[in-house]
Amino acid sequence: MTKPAAPKRRLPTSPFKAPATPAPKHFAMGDQVTHDVYGLGRVIGIEDDIAVLVDFGSAQMRILSPYAKMTKL
């Protein structure tokens, strides 16, 4: 097995602009979301931007931040 390549460091003296960091995703109670693995669901709980509790119908899952596989509809 191979490890993924580490991101390259940006030197402070570099003439190139730093890549923009994406804004963290924020979810509110009642938001309808979709997850790449679990499908459609609704946010039913929030834990201080650490995790959200989502009801997917057949199961309730606690999704941890960063929410890479989950998007708000």
N, C-alpha and C. Protein backbone atom coordinates (compact mmCIF):
# COMPACT_ATOMS: atom_id res chain seq x y z
N MET A 1 0.83 -1.17 0.00
CA MET A 1 0.00 0.00 0.00
C MET A 1 0.89 1.25 0.00
N THR A 2 0.44 2.23 -0.71
CA THR A 2 1.20 3.47 -0.73
C THR A 2 0.40 4.57 -0.06
N LYS A 3 1.11 5.48 0.56
CA LYS A 3 0.47 6.61 1.21
C LYS A 3 0.25 7.71 0.18
N PRO A 4 -0.83 8.49 0.34
CA PRO A 4 -1.03 9.61 -0.58
C PRO A 4 0.05 10.66 -0.38
N ALA A 5 0.36 11.37 -1.43
CA ALA A 5 1.40 12.39 -1.35
C ALA A 5 0.98 13.52 -0.42
N ALA A 6 1.91 14.01 0.35
CA ALA A 6 1.63 15.12 1.26
C ALA A 6 1.50 16.40 0.45
N PRO A 7 0.64 17.32 0.89
CA PRO A 7 0.52 18.58 0.16
C PRO A 7 1.83 19.36 0.24
N LYS A 8 2.16 20.05 -0.82
CA LYS A 8 3.41 20.80 -0.85
C LYS A 8 3.28 22.07 -0.03
N ARG A 9 4.37 22.40 0.66
CA ARG A 9 4.39 23.61 1.46
C ARG A 9 4.51 24.82 0.55
N ARG A 10 3.92 25.92 0.95
CA ARG A 10 4.07 27.16 0.21
C ARG A 10 5.09 27.99 0.95
N LEU A 11 6.14 28.40 0.25
CA LEU A 11 7.17 29.22 0.87
C LEU A 11 6.69 30.66 0.97
N PRO A 12 7.01 31.36 2.05
CA PRO A 12 6.57 32.75 2.20
C PRO A 12 7.15 33.68 1.13
N THR A 13 8.27 33.29 0.54
CA THR A 13 8.90 34.14 -0.48
C THR A 13 8.45 33.80 -1.88
N SER A 14 7.48 32.91 -2.03
CA SER A 14 7.00 32.49 -3.34
C SER A 14 6.29 33.64 -4.05
N PRO A 15 6.55 33.81 -5.36
CA PRO A 15 5.88 34.88 -6.10
C PRO A 15 4.45 34.50 -6.50
N PHE A 16 4.05 33.27 -6.28
CA PHE A 16 2.72 32.81 -6.66
C PHE A 16 1.75 33.00 -5.51
N LYS A 17 0.50 33.24 -5.85
CA LYS A 17 -0.52 33.44 -4.83
C LYS A 17 -0.81 32.11 -4.13
N ALA A 18 -1.16 32.21 -2.86
CA ALA A 18 -1.52 31.02 -2.09
C ALA A 18 -2.88 30.52 -2.57
N PRO A 19 -3.07 29.19 -2.62
CA PRO A 19 -4.38 28.68 -3.04
C PRO A 19 -5.45 29.08 -2.01
N ALA A 20 -6.62 29.39 -2.50
CA ALA A 20 -7.71 29.78 -1.62
C ALA A 20 -8.21 28.57 -0.85
N THR A 21 -8.39 28.74 0.43
CA THR A 21 -8.91 27.65 1.25
C THR A 21 -10.43 27.71 1.21
N PRO A 22 -11.10 26.57 0.98
CA PRO A 22 -12.55 26.60 0.93
C PRO A 22 -13.16 26.91 2.30
N ALA A 23 -14.26 27.61 2.30
CA ALA A 23 -14.94 27.94 3.55
C ALA A 23 -15.52 26.67 4.17
N PRO A 24 -15.47 26.55 5.49
CA PRO A 24 -16.05 25.36 6.11
C PRO A 24 -17.55 25.32 5.91
N LYS A 25 -18.08 24.12 5.79
CA LYS A 25 -19.52 23.95 5.58
C LYS A 25 -20.24 24.08 6.92
N HIS A 26 -21.36 24.78 6.89
CA HIS A 26 -22.18 24.94 8.09
C HIS A 26 -23.57 24.42 7.79
N PHE A 27 -24.11 23.66 8.70
CA PHE A 27 -25.44 23.10 8.55
C PHE A 27 -26.31 23.58 9.70
N ALA A 28 -27.60 23.72 9.43
CA ALA A 28 -28.56 24.13 10.44
C ALA A 28 -29.57 23.01 10.65
N MET A 29 -30.28 23.09 11.78
CA MET A 29 -31.30 22.10 12.07
C MET A 29 -32.36 22.13 10.97
N GLY A 30 -32.73 20.96 10.48
CA GLY A 30 -33.77 20.85 9.45
C GLY A 30 -33.26 20.93 8.03
N ASP A 31 -31.96 21.20 7.83
CA ASP A 31 -31.41 21.25 6.47
C ASP A 31 -31.52 19.89 5.81
N GLN A 32 -31.90 19.88 4.55
CA GLN A 32 -31.93 18.64 3.79
C GLN A 32 -30.56 18.48 3.14
N VAL A 33 -29.96 17.30 3.28
CA VAL A 33 -28.60 17.06 2.79
C VAL A 33 -28.56 15.77 1.99
N THR A 34 -27.48 15.63 1.23
CA THR A 34 -27.23 14.37 0.54
C THR A 34 -25.80 13.94 0.87
N HIS A 35 -25.63 12.65 1.06
CA HIS A 35 -24.33 12.07 1.40
C HIS A 35 -23.98 11.04 0.33
N ASP A 36 -22.71 10.99 -0.04
CA ASP A 36 -22.27 10.08 -1.10
C ASP A 36 -22.53 8.62 -0.77
N VAL A 37 -22.50 8.26 0.50
CA VAL A 37 -22.68 6.86 0.89
C VAL A 37 -24.11 6.58 1.36
N TYR A 38 -24.67 7.46 2.20
CA TYR A 38 -25.95 7.19 2.85
C TYR A 38 -27.16 7.74 2.09
N GLY A 39 -26.98 8.67 1.17
CA GLY A 39 -28.10 9.19 0.39
C GLY A 39 -28.71 10.45 0.99
N LEU A 40 -30.03 10.61 0.79
CA LEU A 40 -30.74 11.81 1.26
C LEU A 40 -31.05 11.71 2.74
N GLY A 41 -30.96 12.87 3.42
CA GLY A 41 -31.26 12.89 4.83
C GLY A 41 -31.60 14.30 5.29
N ARG A 42 -31.92 14.42 6.60
CA ARG A 42 -32.26 15.70 7.20
C ARG A 42 -31.47 15.85 8.49
N VAL A 43 -30.87 17.04 8.70
CA VAL A 43 -30.09 17.30 9.90
C VAL A 43 -31.02 17.41 11.10
N ILE A 44 -30.75 16.61 12.14
CA ILE A 44 -31.59 16.62 13.33
C ILE A 44 -30.81 17.02 14.58
N GLY A 45 -29.49 17.20 14.45
CA GLY A 45 -28.69 17.62 15.60
C GLY A 45 -27.35 18.19 15.16
N ILE A 46 -26.84 19.15 15.94
CA ILE A 46 -25.56 19.79 15.64
C ILE A 46 -24.71 19.80 16.90
N GLU A 47 -23.42 19.46 16.76
CA GLU A 47 -22.51 19.43 17.90
C GLU A 47 -21.36 20.41 17.69
N ASP A 48 -21.58 21.70 17.89
CA ASP A 48 -20.54 22.75 17.87
C ASP A 48 -19.58 22.64 16.70
N ASP A 49 -20.07 22.49 15.49
CA ASP A 49 -19.26 22.40 14.27
C ASP A 49 -18.24 21.27 14.30
N ILE A 50 -18.46 20.28 15.18
CA ILE A 50 -17.60 19.09 15.22
C ILE A 50 -18.25 17.96 14.45
N ALA A 51 -19.57 17.84 14.61
CA ALA A 51 -20.32 16.77 13.96
C ALA A 51 -21.77 17.18 13.83
N VAL A 52 -22.47 16.50 12.93
CA VAL A 52 -23.92 16.69 12.80
C VAL A 52 -24.58 15.32 12.84
N LEU A 53 -25.78 15.28 13.39
CA LEU A 53 -26.56 14.05 13.43
C LEU A 53 -27.59 14.15 12.32
N VAL A 54 -27.58 13.17 11.41
CA VAL A 54 -28.45 13.20 10.23
C VAL A 54 -29.33 11.97 10.23
N ASP A 55 -30.63 12.20 9.98
CA ASP A 55 -31.60 11.11 9.85
C ASP A 55 -31.73 10.77 8.38
N PHE A 56 -31.30 9.57 7.98
CA PHE A 56 -31.36 9.13 6.60
C PHE A 56 -32.57 8.23 6.34
N GLY A 57 -33.52 8.21 7.26
CA GLY A 57 -34.71 7.39 7.09
C GLY A 57 -34.54 6.03 7.71
N SER A 58 -33.63 5.22 7.18
CA SER A 58 -33.41 3.89 7.71
C SER A 58 -32.43 3.88 8.89
N ALA A 59 -31.63 4.95 9.01
CA ALA A 59 -30.64 5.02 10.08
C ALA A 59 -30.32 6.47 10.40
N GLN A 60 -29.87 6.71 11.63
CA GLN A 60 -29.37 8.01 12.02
C GLN A 60 -27.87 7.90 12.14
N MET A 61 -27.16 8.80 11.47
CA MET A 61 -25.69 8.73 11.45
C MET A 61 -25.11 10.03 11.99
N ARG A 62 -24.00 9.92 12.69
CA ARG A 62 -23.24 11.08 13.17
C ARG A 62 -22.11 11.29 12.18
N ILE A 63 -22.15 12.41 11.46
CA ILE A 63 -21.16 12.71 10.44
C ILE A 63 -20.19 13.74 11.01
N LEU A 64 -18.89 13.42 11.00
CA LEU A 64 -17.86 14.29 11.56
C LEU A 64 -17.38 15.32 10.54
N SER A 65 -16.93 16.46 11.05
CA SER A 65 -16.35 17.51 10.22
C SER A 65 -14.93 17.09 9.84
N PRO A 66 -14.42 17.37 8.68
CA PRO A 66 -15.00 18.11 7.56
C PRO A 66 -15.98 17.23 6.80
N TYR A 67 -17.01 17.85 6.31
CA TYR A 67 -18.11 17.13 5.67
C TYR A 67 -17.83 16.98 4.18
N ALA A 68 -16.78 16.24 3.82
CA ALA A 68 -16.34 16.13 2.43
C ALA A 68 -17.37 15.43 1.55
N LYS A 69 -18.05 14.44 2.08
CA LYS A 69 -18.98 13.64 1.27
C LYS A 69 -20.42 14.10 1.42
N MET A 70 -20.67 15.22 2.12
CA MET A 70 -22.03 15.66 2.36
C MET A 70 -22.23 17.08 1.85
N THR A 71 -23.35 17.31 1.16
CA THR A 71 -23.67 18.64 0.65
C THR A 71 -25.10 19.00 1.02
N LYS A 72 -25.33 20.32 1.17
CA LYS A 72 -26.66 20.82 1.49
C LYS A 72 -27.46 20.96 0.20
N LEU A 73 -28.73 20.59 0.22
CA LEU A 73 -29.59 20.75 -0.95
C LEU A 73 -30.38 22.03 -0.88
